[in-house]
Amino acid sequence: MADEARGYGPPASGRVAFGRFEIDPRQVFYQSETCLAIVNLKPLVPGHVLVVPKRVVTFLRDLGDAEHAELWRAAHAVSTLVKTHHGKSAANIAVQDGPDAGQSVPHVHVHVLPR
């Protein structure tokens, strides 16, 4: 997975949290002030990645207005990057907002799947 991330951009440095999990910084390929993007360890399609806020929160409602806006700006930027890298013209972008919606890791994350 680190090889895939290297194709998108430079890795992160330091500790990277995704819920209760610590992520290898080499899986990170995009960062903004409040968000980052990581390769998905269980991709549904090639290029399936996750955009997450750096602050660990379970629900979208737990994000501040600026964090919420930046999450979607980051999802847009990452979608463009991943579609270009994989030669795709479209993407599915989805959020499972909480455990009852199928969220498997209690940390808000946006799925980006190039199609």
C-alpha atoms as a PDB file:
ATOM      1  CA  MET A   1       0.000   0.000   0.000  1.00  0.00           C
ATOM      2  CA  ALA A   2       2.880   2.352   0.632  1.00  0.00           C
ATOM      3  CA  ASP A   3       3.872   1.858  -3.025  1.00  0.00           C
ATOM      4  CA  GLU A   4       0.430   3.066  -4.121  1.00  0.00           C
ATOM      5  CA  ALA A   5       0.644   6.097  -1.827  1.00  0.00           C
ATOM      6  CA  ARG A   6       4.066   6.979  -3.245  1.00  0.00           C
ATOM      7  CA  GLY A   7       2.433   7.244  -6.658  1.00  0.00           C
ATOM      8  CA  TYR A   8       0.072   9.962  -5.417  1.00  0.00           C
ATOM      9  CA  GLY A   9       2.402  12.168  -3.395  1.00  0.00           C
ATOM     10  CA  PRO A  10       4.963  12.444  -0.573  1.00  0.00           C
ATOM     11  CA  PRO A  11       4.437  10.531   2.689  1.00  0.00           C
ATOM     12  CA  ALA A  12       3.636  12.067   6.056  1.00  0.00           C
ATOM     13  CA  SER A  13       5.985  12.156   8.984  1.00  0.00           C
ATOM     14  CA  GLY A  14       5.184  11.434  12.608  1.00  0.00           C
ATOM     15  CA  ARG A  15       2.230   9.667  14.185  1.00  0.00           C
ATOM     16  CA  VAL A  16      -0.918   9.235  12.068  1.00  0.00           C
ATOM     17  CA  ALA A  17      -4.134   8.142  13.790  1.00  0.00           C
ATOM     18  CA  PHE A  18      -7.165   6.547  12.154  1.00  0.00           C
ATOM     19  CA  GLY A  19      -9.577   5.853  14.985  1.00  0.00           C
ATOM     20  CA  ARG A  20      -7.715   3.680  17.468  1.00  0.00           C
ATOM     21  CA  PHE A  21      -5.258   2.533  14.805  1.00  0.00           C
ATOM     22  CA  GLU A  22      -1.858   3.998  14.100  1.00  0.00           C
ATOM     23  CA  ILE A  23      -1.254   4.306  10.373  1.00  0.00           C
ATOM     24  CA  ASP A  24       2.136   3.924   8.736  1.00  0.00           C
ATOM     25  CA  PRO A  25       3.016   7.475   7.587  1.00  0.00           C
ATOM     26  CA  ARG A  26       4.007   6.013   4.202  1.00  0.00           C
ATOM     27  CA  GLN A  27       0.289   5.345   3.577  1.00  0.00           C
ATOM     28  CA  VAL A  28      -0.409   9.098   3.691  1.00  0.00           C
ATOM     29  CA  PHE A  29      -0.178  10.880   0.338  1.00  0.00           C
ATOM     30  CA  TYR A  30      -2.088  14.139   0.902  1.00  0.00           C
ATOM     31  CA  GLN A  31      -2.207  16.564   3.809  1.00  0.00           C
ATOM     32  CA  SER A  32      -3.810  19.881   4.578  1.00  0.00           C
ATOM     33  CA  GLU A  33      -3.866  21.739   7.876  1.00  0.00           C
ATOM     34  CA  THR A  34      -6.730  19.623   9.261  1.00  0.00           C
ATOM     35  CA  CYS A  35      -7.066  16.611   6.925  1.00  0.00           C
ATOM     36  CA  LEU A  36      -5.078  13.859   5.304  1.00  0.00           C
ATOM     37  CA  ALA A  37      -5.628  11.106   2.771  1.00  0.00           C
ATOM     38  CA  ILE A  38      -4.505   7.518   3.140  1.00  0.00           C
ATOM     39  CA  VAL A  39      -4.579   4.440   0.961  1.00  0.00           C
ATOM     40  CA  ASN A  40      -7.263   1.975   1.978  1.00  0.00           C
ATOM     41  CA  LEU A  41      -5.939  -1.340   3.293  1.00  0.00           C
ATOM     42  CA  LYS A  42      -9.066  -3.098   1.964  1.00  0.00           C
ATOM     43  CA  PRO A  43      -9.775  -1.317  -1.336  1.00  0.00           C
ATOM     44  CA  LEU A  44     -13.008  -2.115  -3.171  1.00  0.00           C
ATOM     45  CA  VAL A  45     -11.468  -0.928  -6.468  1.00  0.00           C
ATOM     46  CA  PRO A  46      -7.928   0.113  -7.436  1.00  0.00           C
ATOM     47  CA  GLY A  47      -7.348   3.603  -6.085  1.00  0.00           C
ATOM     48  CA  HIS A  48      -9.947   3.395  -3.291  1.00  0.00           C
ATOM     49  CA  VAL A  49      -8.608   5.860  -0.712  1.00  0.00           C
ATOM     50  CA  LEU A  50      -9.829   7.559   2.463  1.00  0.00           C
ATOM     51  CA  VAL A  51      -9.847  11.248   3.390  1.00  0.00           C
ATOM     52  CA  VAL A  52      -9.898  11.814   7.149  1.00  0.00           C
ATOM     53  CA  PRO A  53      -9.747  14.747   9.532  1.00  0.00           C
ATOM     54  CA  LYS A  54      -6.565  14.722  11.614  1.00  0.00           C
ATOM     55  CA  ARG A  55      -8.692  15.098  14.741  1.00  0.00           C
ATOM     56  CA  VAL A  56     -10.340  11.790  15.628  1.00  0.00           C
ATOM     57  CA  VAL A  57     -14.127  12.218  15.783  1.00  0.00           C
ATOM     58  CA  THR A  58     -16.859   9.693  15.027  1.00  0.00           C
ATOM     59  CA  PHE A  59     -19.538  11.823  13.373  1.00  0.00           C
ATOM     60  CA  LEU A  60     -19.554  14.655  10.830  1.00  0.00           C
ATOM     61  CA  ARG A  61     -21.515  16.698  13.395  1.00  0.00           C
ATOM     62  CA  ASP A  62     -18.457  16.541  15.686  1.00  0.00           C
ATOM     63  CA  LEU A  63     -16.346  18.564  13.229  1.00  0.00           C
ATOM     64  CA  GLY A  64     -16.124  22.320  13.477  1.00  0.00           C
ATOM     65  CA  ASP A  65     -17.303  24.361  10.493  1.00  0.00           C
ATOM     66  CA  ALA A  66     -13.763  24.957   9.214  1.00  0.00           C
ATOM     67  CA  GLU A  67     -12.821  21.275   9.619  1.00  0.00           C
ATOM     68  CA  HIS A  68     -16.007  20.201   7.827  1.00  0.00           C
ATOM     69  CA  ALA A  69     -15.360  22.552   4.919  1.00  0.00           C
ATOM     70  CA  GLU A  70     -11.724  21.448   4.669  1.00  0.00           C
ATOM     71  CA  LEU A  71     -12.732  17.765   4.682  1.00  0.00           C
ATOM     72  CA  TRP A  72     -14.796  18.314   1.523  1.00  0.00           C
ATOM     73  CA  ARG A  73     -12.129  20.523  -0.098  1.00  0.00           C
ATOM     74  CA  ALA A  74      -9.629  17.728   0.566  1.00  0.00           C
ATOM     75  CA  ALA A  75     -12.019  15.064  -0.780  1.00  0.00           C
ATOM     76  CA  HIS A  76     -12.399  17.101  -3.977  1.00  0.00           C
ATOM     77  CA  ALA A  77      -8.620  17.517  -4.387  1.00  0.00           C
ATOM     78  CA  VAL A  78      -7.946  13.842  -3.633  1.00  0.00           C
ATOM     79  CA  SER A  79     -10.680  12.705  -6.014  1.00  0.00           C
ATOM     80  CA  THR A  80      -9.089  14.719  -8.815  1.00  0.00           C
ATOM     81  CA  LEU A  81      -5.636  13.353  -7.989  1.00  0.00           C
ATOM     82  CA  VAL A  82      -6.748   9.711  -7.811  1.00  0.00           C
ATOM     83  CA  LYS A  83      -8.910   9.874 -10.968  1.00  0.00           C
ATOM     84  CA  THR A  84      -6.006  11.373 -12.900  1.00  0.00           C
ATOM     85  CA  HIS A  85      -3.533   8.826 -11.545  1.00  0.00           C
ATOM     86  CA  HIS A  86      -5.802   5.899 -12.484  1.00  0.00           C
ATOM     87  CA  GLY A  87      -7.027   7.331 -15.796  1.00  0.00           C
ATOM     88  CA  LYS A  88     -10.662   7.457 -14.646  1.00  0.00           C
ATOM     89  CA  SER A  89     -13.339  10.022 -15.431  1.00  0.00           C
ATOM     90  CA  ALA A  90     -15.583   9.646 -12.371  1.00  0.00           C
ATOM     91  CA  ALA A  91     -15.585   8.651  -8.718  1.00  0.00           C
ATOM     92  CA  ASN A  92     -17.894   7.474  -5.981  1.00  0.00           C
ATOM     93  CA  ILE A  93     -17.540   9.643  -2.886  1.00  0.00           C
ATOM     94  CA  ALA A  94     -19.227   8.349   0.263  1.00  0.00           C
ATOM     95  CA  VAL A  95     -19.427   8.713   4.032  1.00  0.00           C
ATOM     96  CA  GLN A  96     -20.798   6.198   6.517  1.00  0.00           C
ATOM     97  CA  ASP A  97     -21.649   8.654   9.294  1.00  0.00           C
ATOM     98  CA  GLY A  98     -21.486   6.530  12.434  1.00  0.00           C
ATOM     99  CA  PRO A  99     -21.643   2.835  13.318  1.00  0.00           C
ATOM    100  CA  ASP A 100     -25.344   2.514  12.477  1.00  0.00           C
ATOM    101  CA  ALA A 101     -24.509   3.652   8.940  1.00  0.00           C
ATOM    102  CA  GLY A 102     -21.890   0.902   8.553  1.00  0.00           C
ATOM    103  CA  GLN A 103     -18.856   2.866   9.740  1.00  0.00           C
ATOM    104  CA  SER A 104     -16.262   0.253  10.731  1.00  0.00           C
ATOM    105  CA  VAL A 105     -13.669   2.635  12.243  1.00  0.00           C
ATOM    106  CA  PRO A 106     -15.055   5.306  14.613  1.00  0.00           C
ATOM    107  CA  HIS A 107     -13.294   8.173  12.850  1.00  0.00           C
ATOM    108  CA  VAL A 108     -15.052  10.271  10.194  1.00  0.00           C
ATOM    109  CA  HIS A 109     -13.726   9.335   6.771  1.00  0.00           C
ATOM    110  CA  VAL A 110     -14.677   9.976   3.182  1.00  0.00           C
ATOM    111  CA  HIS A 111     -14.299   7.092   0.744  1.00  0.00           C
ATOM    112  CA  VAL A 112     -13.069   8.052  -2.732  1.00  0.00           C
ATOM    113  CA  LEU A 113     -13.383   5.307  -5.344  1.00  0.00           C
ATOM    114  CA  PRO A 114     -12.241   6.175  -8.876  1.00  0.00           C
ATOM    115  CA  ARG A 115     -14.516   4.729 -11.577  1.00  0.00           C
END
